[in-house]
Protein backbone atom coordinates (compact mmCIF):
# COMPACT_ATOMS: atom_id res chain seq x y z
CA MET A 1 -8.78 -27.72 -11.39
CA THR A 2 -8.02 -31.29 -12.31
CA PRO A 3 -5.12 -31.41 -14.84
CA ASP A 4 -5.85 -32.91 -18.21
CA PRO A 5 -4.89 -36.59 -18.38
CA LYS A 6 -1.72 -37.36 -20.33
CA PRO A 7 -2.13 -39.30 -23.56
CA ARG A 8 -0.50 -42.68 -23.92
CA SER A 9 3.14 -42.56 -24.94
CA GLU A 10 4.21 -43.92 -28.32
CA HIS A 11 5.96 -46.73 -26.41
CA GLU A 12 2.78 -47.72 -24.64
CA GLU A 13 0.81 -47.50 -27.88
CA SER A 14 3.36 -49.73 -29.57
CA ALA A 15 3.23 -52.32 -26.80
CA LEU A 16 -0.56 -52.52 -26.81
CA ARG A 17 -0.59 -52.87 -30.63
CA CYS A 18 1.88 -55.75 -30.36
CA LEU A 19 -0.31 -57.40 -27.78
CA ILE A 20 -3.38 -57.17 -30.00
CA VAL A 21 -1.41 -58.71 -32.85
CA ALA A 22 -0.31 -61.60 -30.63
CA LEU A 23 -3.86 -62.15 -29.33
CA SER A 24 -5.20 -62.16 -32.89
CA ALA A 25 -2.55 -64.63 -33.98
CA ARG A 26 -3.89 -67.00 -31.41
CA GLY A 27 -7.40 -66.67 -32.65
CA ARG A 28 -8.56 -64.24 -29.96
CA GLU A 29 -10.12 -61.27 -31.68
CA ALA A 30 -9.07 -58.21 -29.65
CA VAL A 31 -9.92 -54.54 -29.94
CA ASP A 32 -8.46 -51.64 -27.97
CA ILE A 33 -11.59 -49.73 -26.77
CA GLY A 34 -9.90 -46.95 -24.86
CA CYS A 35 -7.65 -45.79 -22.08
CA PRO A 36 -9.37 -45.35 -18.73
CA GLU A 37 -6.54 -43.08 -17.52
CA GLN A 38 -7.61 -40.50 -20.15
CA ASP A 39 -11.30 -40.74 -19.24
CA GLN A 40 -12.12 -38.88 -16.01
CA SER A 41 -15.49 -40.61 -15.86
CA ASP A 42 -13.86 -44.04 -15.94
CA PRO A 43 -13.40 -45.49 -12.42
CA LEU A 44 -10.41 -47.53 -13.51
CA ASN A 45 -6.75 -46.44 -13.63
CA VAL A 46 -5.26 -48.80 -16.21
CA ASP A 47 -3.62 -48.35 -19.59
CA ALA A 48 -6.37 -49.88 -21.66
CA ARG A 49 -9.66 -51.65 -21.93
CA PHE A 50 -9.69 -54.44 -24.47
CA ASN A 51 -12.66 -56.23 -25.86
CA ILE A 52 -11.46 -59.81 -26.39
CA GLU A 53 -14.05 -62.09 -28.01
CA GLY A 54 -16.89 -60.10 -26.48
CA VAL A 55 -15.38 -59.89 -22.99
CA GLU A 56 -14.04 -56.61 -21.65
CA TRP A 57 -10.57 -56.80 -20.02
CA ALA A 58 -8.49 -54.34 -18.06
CA VAL A 59 -4.94 -54.17 -19.52
CA GLU A 60 -1.89 -52.69 -17.79
CA HIS A 61 1.49 -52.18 -19.35
CA CYS A 62 4.73 -52.33 -17.29
CA ARG A 63 8.34 -52.17 -18.43
CA ILE A 64 10.94 -54.59 -16.96
CA THR A 65 13.71 -52.23 -15.96
CA HIS A 66 16.25 -51.99 -13.19
CA ASP A 67 15.48 -50.47 -9.78
CA SER A 68 13.88 -47.04 -9.85
CA GLY A 69 16.83 -45.31 -8.07
CA LYS A 70 19.30 -46.22 -10.81
CA ILE A 71 19.20 -43.04 -12.92
CA ALA A 72 19.43 -40.61 -9.95
CA ALA A 73 22.29 -42.64 -8.43
CA GLU A 74 24.29 -42.65 -11.67
CA GLN A 75 23.70 -38.95 -12.25
CA TYR A 76 24.94 -38.12 -8.72
CA ALA A 77 27.91 -40.43 -9.18
CA GLU A 78 28.89 -38.67 -12.39
CA LYS A 79 28.70 -35.27 -10.63
CA ARG A 80 30.77 -36.40 -7.68
CA ILE A 81 33.45 -38.49 -9.37
CA VAL A 82 34.22 -37.35 -12.90
CA PRO A 83 35.88 -34.00 -12.07
CA SER A 84 38.14 -35.61 -9.49
CA GLY A 85 38.88 -38.60 -11.81
CA ASN A 86 39.96 -36.31 -14.64
CA THR A 87 42.19 -34.31 -12.24
CA ILE A 88 43.83 -37.45 -10.81
CA ALA A 89 44.46 -38.98 -14.20
CA ALA A 90 46.17 -35.81 -15.36
CA GLU A 91 48.15 -35.41 -12.10
CA PHE A 92 49.67 -38.92 -12.32
CA GLY A 93 49.75 -39.23 -16.08
CA VAL A 94 47.81 -42.47 -16.19
CA HIS A 95 44.75 -44.07 -17.82
CA ILE A 96 42.13 -44.92 -15.15
CA ASN A 97 39.16 -47.22 -15.68
CA LEU A 98 36.48 -47.19 -12.97
CA ALA A 99 33.51 -49.62 -12.81
CA LEU A 100 31.07 -48.77 -10.00
CA TYR A 101 27.70 -49.63 -8.51
CA PRO A 102 26.45 -46.25 -7.20
CA PRO A 103 24.55 -46.67 -3.95
CA ARG A 104 20.82 -45.88 -3.98
CA TRP A 105 19.07 -43.88 -1.26
CA ALA A 106 15.50 -43.35 -0.09
CA LYS A 107 13.80 -39.97 -0.38
CA SER A 108 14.11 -39.56 3.37
CA GLU A 109 17.84 -40.23 3.35
CA LYS A 110 20.81 -37.97 2.58
CA LYS A 111 22.82 -38.58 -0.54
CA PRO A 112 25.82 -40.86 0.12
CA LYS A 113 28.54 -38.18 -0.05
CA ALA A 114 30.92 -40.17 2.24
CA PHE A 115 30.79 -43.14 -0.09
CA PHE A 116 31.97 -41.12 -3.02
CA ASP A 117 34.64 -39.33 -0.96
CA ARG A 118 36.03 -42.77 -0.26
CA VAL A 119 35.86 -43.84 -3.92
CA ILE A 120 37.83 -40.70 -4.91
CA GLU A 121 40.39 -41.55 -2.25
CA ARG A 122 40.69 -45.04 -3.65
CA ILE A 123 41.10 -43.70 -7.20
CA ARG A 124 43.97 -41.49 -6.04
CA ASN A 125 45.68 -44.31 -4.15
CA ALA A 126 45.36 -46.65 -7.24
CA ALA A 127 46.71 -43.97 -9.57
CA GLU A 128 49.69 -43.33 -7.30
CA SER A 129 50.51 -47.03 -6.68
CA GLY A 130 49.42 -48.53 -10.04
CA ILE A 131 47.77 -51.36 -8.13
CA VAL A 132 44.29 -52.63 -9.06
CA ASP A 133 41.70 -51.90 -6.41
CA ARG A 134 38.44 -53.85 -6.61
CA ASP A 135 35.54 -55.22 -4.54
CA GLY A 136 31.96 -56.07 -5.16
CA VAL A 137 30.77 -52.58 -5.96
CA CYS A 138 33.88 -50.73 -7.09
CA GLN A 139 36.73 -51.73 -9.47
CA ILE A 140 39.62 -49.41 -10.36
CA TYR A 141 42.20 -50.25 -12.98
CA VAL A 142 45.27 -48.08 -13.80
CA ARG A 143 47.72 -48.34 -16.67
CA PRO A 144 50.33 -46.11 -18.21
CA GLY A 145 49.21 -44.08 -21.18
CA GLU A 146 47.59 -40.83 -22.19
CA PRO A 147 45.95 -39.30 -19.11
CA LEU A 148 42.34 -40.31 -19.24
CA PHE A 149 39.55 -41.14 -16.85
CA GLU A 150 36.93 -43.60 -18.03
CA TYR A 151 33.98 -44.93 -16.05
CA SER A 152 30.98 -47.25 -16.30
CA PHE A 153 28.26 -48.29 -13.91
CA PHE A 154 27.02 -51.69 -12.80
CA SER A 155 23.24 -51.98 -12.95
CA ALA A 156 23.04 -54.27 -9.95
CA ASP A 157 25.05 -55.27 -6.95
CA ASP A 158 23.56 -58.74 -6.70
CA PRO A 159 24.82 -61.55 -9.01
CA LEU A 160 21.52 -63.40 -8.90
CA ILE A 161 19.23 -62.54 -11.82
CA ARG A 162 16.21 -63.48 -9.70
CA ASN A 163 17.05 -60.82 -7.14
CA GLN A 164 17.74 -58.20 -9.85
CA LEU A 165 14.28 -58.88 -11.28
CA ILE A 166 12.54 -58.66 -7.92
CA ARG A 167 14.36 -55.37 -7.21
CA GLY A 168 13.39 -54.03 -10.63
CA ILE A 169 9.69 -54.87 -10.72
CA GLY A 170 8.66 -56.05 -7.27
CA THR A 171 7.66 -52.72 -5.76
CA THR A 172 6.05 -51.53 -8.99
CA LEU A 173 3.88 -54.65 -9.37
CA LEU A 174 2.82 -54.56 -5.67
CA LYS A 175 1.66 -50.95 -6.17
CA LYS A 176 -0.14 -51.84 -9.37
CA ASN A 177 -1.76 -54.78 -7.63
CA GLN A 178 -3.55 -52.48 -5.24
CA LYS A 179 -4.07 -49.40 -7.38
CA GLN A 180 -4.85 -50.96 -10.80
CA PHE A 181 -5.38 -54.68 -10.58
CA LYS A 182 -7.65 -54.96 -7.52
CA PRO A 183 -10.04 -52.12 -8.51
CA SER A 184 -10.33 -53.70 -12.00
CA HIS A 185 -11.08 -57.05 -10.49
CA LEU A 186 -13.69 -55.59 -8.19
CA GLU A 187 -15.34 -53.98 -11.21
CA GLY A 188 -15.73 -57.52 -12.59
CA LEU A 189 -13.07 -57.28 -15.32
CA PRO A 190 -10.42 -59.88 -15.88
CA VAL A 191 -6.98 -58.29 -15.76
CA MET A 192 -4.16 -58.71 -18.32
CA LEU A 193 -0.67 -57.55 -17.44
CA LEU A 194 1.77 -56.86 -20.30
CA LEU A 195 5.38 -56.89 -19.10
CA ASP A 196 7.67 -55.16 -21.60
CA GLN A 197 11.34 -55.93 -22.21
CA THR A 198 11.81 -53.41 -25.07
CA ASP A 199 13.75 -50.22 -24.47
CA ASN A 200 11.87 -46.94 -24.49
CA LEU A 201 13.83 -44.43 -26.57
CA ASP A 202 12.32 -41.59 -24.50
CA SER A 203 13.52 -43.03 -21.21
CA GLU A 204 17.05 -43.28 -19.74
CA MET A 205 16.02 -46.44 -17.90
CA THR A 206 17.32 -49.52 -19.73
CA SER A 207 15.47 -52.85 -19.79
CA GLN A 208 16.61 -56.03 -18.04
CA TRP A 209 17.43 -58.81 -20.51
CA LEU A 210 19.33 -61.67 -18.87
CA PHE A 211 16.39 -63.55 -17.39
CA SER A 212 14.73 -66.66 -18.78
CA ILE A 213 10.94 -66.99 -19.28
CA ASN A 214 10.73 -69.63 -16.54
CA LEU A 215 12.57 -67.39 -14.07
CA LEU A 216 10.31 -64.41 -14.93
CA ARG A 217 7.27 -66.59 -14.46
CA ASP A 218 8.51 -67.71 -11.04
CA VAL A 219 9.33 -64.16 -9.94
CA VAL A 220 5.94 -62.74 -11.05
CA SER A 221 4.14 -65.64 -9.34
CA GLU A 222 6.14 -64.90 -6.14
CA ILE A 223 5.28 -61.17 -6.25
CA LEU A 224 1.66 -61.69 -7.28
CA PRO A 225 0.61 -65.06 -5.81
CA ASN A 226 -2.41 -66.83 -7.23
CA SER A 227 -4.21 -66.34 -3.95
CA ASP A 228 -4.81 -62.67 -4.83
CA GLY A 229 -6.60 -63.69 -7.96
CA PHE A 230 -6.52 -60.18 -9.48
CA VAL A 231 -4.47 -60.91 -12.59
CA SER A 232 -5.76 -63.47 -15.02
CA GLU A 233 -3.03 -63.40 -17.68
CA VAL A 234 0.57 -62.10 -17.81
CA TRP A 235 2.25 -61.49 -21.18
CA LEU A 236 5.72 -60.46 -22.13
CA ARG A 237 6.84 -58.29 -25.04
CA ARG A 238 10.33 -59.36 -26.04
CA PRO A 239 12.96 -57.00 -27.48
CA ASP A 240 12.01 -58.09 -31.01
CA GLY A 241 8.40 -56.94 -30.38
CA ASP A 242 6.82 -60.37 -30.24
CA CYS A 243 4.46 -61.01 -27.30
CA PHE A 244 4.17 -64.33 -25.49
CA ARG A 245 1.95 -65.33 -22.60
CA ILE A 246 3.82 -66.50 -19.57
CA ILE A 247 0.98 -66.99 -17.13
CA PRO A 248 -0.67 -69.30 -17.80
CA PRO A 249 2.04 -70.81 -20.02
CA GLU A 250 1.53 -70.73 -23.77
CA PRO A 251 0.25 -73.88 -25.56
CA GLU A 252 3.10 -75.83 -27.21
CA GLN A 253 2.15 -74.78 -30.75
CA PHE A 254 3.05 -71.20 -30.00
CA VAL A 255 6.55 -71.93 -28.64
CA ASP A 256 7.85 -74.45 -31.23
CA GLY A 257 11.30 -73.35 -32.29
CA LEU A 258 11.49 -71.03 -29.36
CA GLU A 259 12.52 -73.51 -26.72
CA PHE A 260 15.52 -71.47 -25.72
CA LEU A 261 13.24 -68.76 -24.45
CA TRP A 262 11.48 -71.05 -22.08
CA LYS A 263 14.42 -72.71 -20.28
């Protein structure tokens, strides 16, 4: 038996409503006419069909988050490190601060136990010596004070925002290109992609926020080159809920006073 399709989440509904408001503000009357993913008779697998000025569009929503392995990696890191960190802080009577980029792993790979064994060893050495220990993925600071172990996680191990964006959305967009965008294009529908920078309160995955509009446009164009021709428009919902078209770029009248977003 085929399971019943899941309804749109409130986050998806909110994003699509914001997109309709933005389209209407630009004089493009838009109506949400349904979700193909909820209609088993619909051949498409996208989040919405919009009627925009008499033309039917396929619309797909996609959050801009960090890489998909982030949550599992952080949960495993907590499980492996926190008990030992608390014990070491109490043993040496020090306050320990750890900042770490937990390594990711593929489904076919074993969890990186040896990496965390080494981190615990480094925490102990730092607590005993009082010397700062840091590299590109692990930073350990120790100071006198009430025994306490505190930790935080880096979201990326690459300083280039461009590479962080590609890691976060590259694989997802390539999959959507084949499973959602191409079939919609072959059905004769223009495709609209709504990228979403707002946080979803029902998800642990946080949004990326450091990028500029121009950088995002370049990255999306690199992932989905024009030669494919499946996606006609790409929009972005900013953290404040406003939507802007990034591909093709918005006309000047819609970006006046927002120049900082476009640099």
